Each structure stands twice: as structure tokens, then as C-alpha cells.
Amino acid sequence: MDNLTYRGKGDRVNRLSKKVLLGLGFDCKDGHVRVTKGKNFRLYGGSEETHELMQEKAIKFNEQLNKRRKNLDDINDEEFREIADNVGLKIPKDKDKSR
């Protein structure tokens, strides 16, 4: 079996190349395992407060994509950073733009 999935008439999407926002929380002290999966994002771990914050930012990111009528796979680095900044995600500055 190949690593492709089918979305509809003739549409093939390579599952290994789909972009997602990945949120990882490491401050959980209550032993609860928190996992949230949505369109364009996967969130794992964190305290209740941290996980809710990740959910909020992921949802806002998707709203920004929807306003632009684009998917995460369709945006370039500049657009990604612009949206991330708009929703309050902290993205480290790219020190080496030659990569």
C-alpha cells in the first residue's frame, strides 16, 4: 500500500507531506493526557490552561487561513510568520535565511 490518501474524484494527497501546526505542552502536573486534533493542527500535552491557549491560537490561525482562502500547505514562510504574529504565536526569528 502506498502512502497516499484520496479526497475525492481523482484528488490524491501525499500524507507524508501535509503540513500541520504542532503544539507541545510540557507543564502538565495533574497526570491528564490532553490531545486535540483539528484541521491543520495537532496539540499534545500541557496543563489545562496551556492546552486551552494552544487550542485558541490554532483556531485563530485557521480562521486567518480561511479569510485568505488558503490551506496551510498553500502559504509561504512570510505568510506563515505574518499569520503567526497576528494570532500571537511566538516564532523564533530565522537567523540564516539561506537555508
C-alpha atoms as a PDB file:
ATOM      1  CA  MET A   1       0.000   0.000   0.000  1.00  0.00           C
ATOM      2  CA  ASP A   2       1.310   3.470  -0.812  1.00  0.00           C
ATOM      3  CA  ASN A   3       1.283   6.478   1.496  1.00  0.00           C
ATOM      4  CA  LEU A   4      -1.382   8.351  -0.451  1.00  0.00           C
ATOM      5  CA  THR A   5      -4.896   9.150   0.615  1.00  0.00           C
ATOM      6  CA  TYR A   6      -7.760  10.077  -1.672  1.00  0.00           C
ATOM      7  CA  ARG A   7     -10.018  13.077  -1.039  1.00  0.00           C
ATOM      8  CA  GLY A   8     -12.445  12.785  -3.882  1.00  0.00           C
ATOM      9  CA  LYS A   9     -12.628  12.344  -7.627  1.00  0.00           C
ATOM     10  CA  GLY A  10      -9.046  11.956  -8.705  1.00  0.00           C
ATOM     11  CA  ASP A  11      -7.605  14.063  -5.876  1.00  0.00           C
ATOM     12  CA  ARG A  12      -4.530  12.457  -4.361  1.00  0.00           C
ATOM     13  CA  VAL A  13      -2.733  13.886  -1.387  1.00  0.00           C
ATOM     14  CA  ASN A  14       0.572  12.573  -0.094  1.00  0.00           C
ATOM     15  CA  ARG A  15       0.026  12.022   3.637  1.00  0.00           C
ATOM     16  CA  LEU A  16       3.730  12.424   4.386  1.00  0.00           C
ATOM     17  CA  SER A  17       3.880  15.962   3.046  1.00  0.00           C
ATOM     18  CA  LYS A  18       0.818  17.515   4.700  1.00  0.00           C
ATOM     19  CA  LYS A  19       1.781  20.451   6.904  1.00  0.00           C
ATOM     20  CA  VAL A  20       0.335  20.800  10.400  1.00  0.00           C
ATOM     21  CA  LEU A  21       0.846  23.132  13.317  1.00  0.00           C
ATOM     22  CA  LEU A  22       2.285  21.087  16.167  1.00  0.00           C
ATOM     23  CA  GLY A  23       1.717  22.232  19.728  1.00  0.00           C
ATOM     24  CA  LEU A  24       3.554  20.565  22.602  1.00  0.00           C
ATOM     25  CA  GLY A  25       2.886  21.430  26.244  1.00  0.00           C
ATOM     26  CA  PHE A  26       5.290  20.260  28.936  1.00  0.00           C
ATOM     27  CA  ASP A  27       3.807  21.826  32.078  1.00  0.00           C
ATOM     28  CA  CYS A  28       1.203  19.183  32.968  1.00  0.00           C
ATOM     29  CA  LYS A  29       1.343  18.205  36.626  1.00  0.00           C
ATOM     30  CA  ASP A  30      -2.105  16.622  37.032  1.00  0.00           C
ATOM     31  CA  GLY A  31      -1.323  13.458  35.031  1.00  0.00           C
ATOM     32  CA  HIS A  32      -4.061  14.174  32.489  1.00  0.00           C
ATOM     33  CA  VAL A  33      -3.182  13.401  28.862  1.00  0.00           C
ATOM     34  CA  ARG A  34      -4.535  16.144  26.608  1.00  0.00           C
ATOM     35  CA  VAL A  35      -4.722  15.637  22.847  1.00  0.00           C
ATOM     36  CA  THR A  36      -6.542  17.822  20.343  1.00  0.00           C
ATOM     37  CA  LYS A  37      -6.571  17.194  16.607  1.00  0.00           C
ATOM     38  CA  GLY A  38      -8.094  19.552  14.099  1.00  0.00           C
ATOM     39  CA  LYS A  39      -7.771  20.805  10.564  1.00  0.00           C
ATOM     40  CA  ASN A  40      -4.130  21.865  10.186  1.00  0.00           C
ATOM     41  CA  PHE A  41      -3.099  21.187  13.791  1.00  0.00           C
ATOM     42  CA  ARG A  42      -2.166  18.599  16.402  1.00  0.00           C
ATOM     43  CA  LEU A  43      -1.825  19.594  20.055  1.00  0.00           C
ATOM     44  CA  TYR A  44      -0.343  17.343  22.735  1.00  0.00           C
ATOM     45  CA  GLY A  45       0.102  17.753  26.465  1.00  0.00           C
ATOM     46  CA  GLY A  46       0.243  20.771  28.679  1.00  0.00           C
ATOM     47  CA  SER A  47      -1.724  21.868  31.684  1.00  0.00           C
ATOM     48  CA  GLU A  48      -5.396  22.646  31.184  1.00  0.00           C
ATOM     49  CA  GLU A  49      -4.537  26.348  30.818  1.00  0.00           C
ATOM     50  CA  THR A  50      -1.678  25.750  28.372  1.00  0.00           C
ATOM     51  CA  HIS A  51      -3.695  23.331  26.256  1.00  0.00           C
ATOM     52  CA  GLU A  52      -6.613  25.761  26.029  1.00  0.00           C
ATOM     53  CA  LEU A  53      -4.208  28.509  24.956  1.00  0.00           C
ATOM     54  CA  MET A  54      -2.771  26.260  22.231  1.00  0.00           C
ATOM     55  CA  GLN A  55      -6.310  25.438  21.058  1.00  0.00           C
ATOM     56  CA  GLU A  56      -7.246  29.108  20.907  1.00  0.00           C
ATOM     57  CA  LYS A  57      -4.181  30.041  18.851  1.00  0.00           C
ATOM     58  CA  ALA A  58      -4.601  27.076  16.483  1.00  0.00           C
ATOM     59  CA  ILE A  59      -8.245  28.010  15.871  1.00  0.00           C
ATOM     60  CA  LYS A  60      -7.323  31.657  15.269  1.00  0.00           C
ATOM     61  CA  PHE A  61      -4.583  30.542  12.868  1.00  0.00           C
ATOM     62  CA  ASN A  62      -7.152  28.515  10.906  1.00  0.00           C
ATOM     63  CA  GLU A  63      -9.537  31.493  10.860  1.00  0.00           C
ATOM     64  CA  GLN A  64      -6.768  33.608   9.307  1.00  0.00           C
ATOM     65  CA  LEU A  65      -6.149  30.907   6.692  1.00  0.00           C
ATOM     66  CA  ASN A  66      -9.878  30.785   5.922  1.00  0.00           C
ATOM     67  CA  LYS A  67     -10.003  34.561   5.451  1.00  0.00           C
ATOM     68  CA  ARG A  68      -7.194  34.218   2.895  1.00  0.00           C
ATOM     69  CA  ARG A  69      -8.953  31.218   1.323  1.00  0.00           C
ATOM     70  CA  LYS A  70      -5.791  29.153   1.697  1.00  0.00           C
ATOM     71  CA  ASN A  71      -4.656  25.958   3.357  1.00  0.00           C
ATOM     72  CA  LEU A  72      -1.547  25.590   5.491  1.00  0.00           C
ATOM     73  CA  ASP A  73       0.082  23.780   2.564  1.00  0.00           C
ATOM     74  CA  ASP A  74      -0.517  26.829   0.325  1.00  0.00           C
ATOM     75  CA  ILE A  75       1.258  29.545   2.308  1.00  0.00           C
ATOM     76  CA  ASN A  76       4.928  30.512   2.175  1.00  0.00           C
ATOM     77  CA  ASP A  77       7.214  31.309   5.136  1.00  0.00           C
ATOM     78  CA  GLU A  78       6.416  35.009   5.030  1.00  0.00           C
ATOM     79  CA  GLU A  79       2.650  34.402   5.140  1.00  0.00           C
ATOM     80  CA  PHE A  80       3.120  31.834   7.916  1.00  0.00           C
ATOM     81  CA  ARG A  81       5.089  34.311  10.041  1.00  0.00           C
ATOM     82  CA  GLU A  82       2.549  37.071   9.369  1.00  0.00           C
ATOM     83  CA  ILE A  83      -0.379  34.911  10.473  1.00  0.00           C
ATOM     84  CA  ALA A  84       1.560  33.589  13.465  1.00  0.00           C
ATOM     85  CA  ASP A  85       2.317  37.154  14.547  1.00  0.00           C
ATOM     86  CA  ASN A  86      -1.348  38.161  14.097  1.00  0.00           C
ATOM     87  CA  VAL A  87      -2.571  35.367  16.393  1.00  0.00           C
ATOM     88  CA  GLY A  88       0.187  35.789  18.979  1.00  0.00           C
ATOM     89  CA  LEU A  89       2.318  32.730  18.235  1.00  0.00           C
ATOM     90  CA  LYS A  90       5.952  33.166  19.187  1.00  0.00           C
ATOM     91  CA  ILE A  91       8.086  32.125  16.216  1.00  0.00           C
ATOM     92  CA  PRO A  92      11.872  32.461  16.524  1.00  0.00           C
ATOM     93  CA  LYS A  93      13.467  34.795  14.007  1.00  0.00           C
ATOM     94  CA  ASP A  94      15.226  32.957  11.192  1.00  0.00           C
ATOM     95  CA  LYS A  95      18.892  33.815  11.665  1.00  0.00           C
ATOM     96  CA  ASP A  96      20.045  32.083   8.481  1.00  0.00           C
ATOM     97  CA  LYS A  97      17.760  32.838   5.554  1.00  0.00           C
ATOM     98  CA  SER A  98      19.998  30.882   3.151  1.00  0.00           C
ATOM     99  CA  ARG A  99      18.520  27.529   4.277  1.00  0.00           C
END
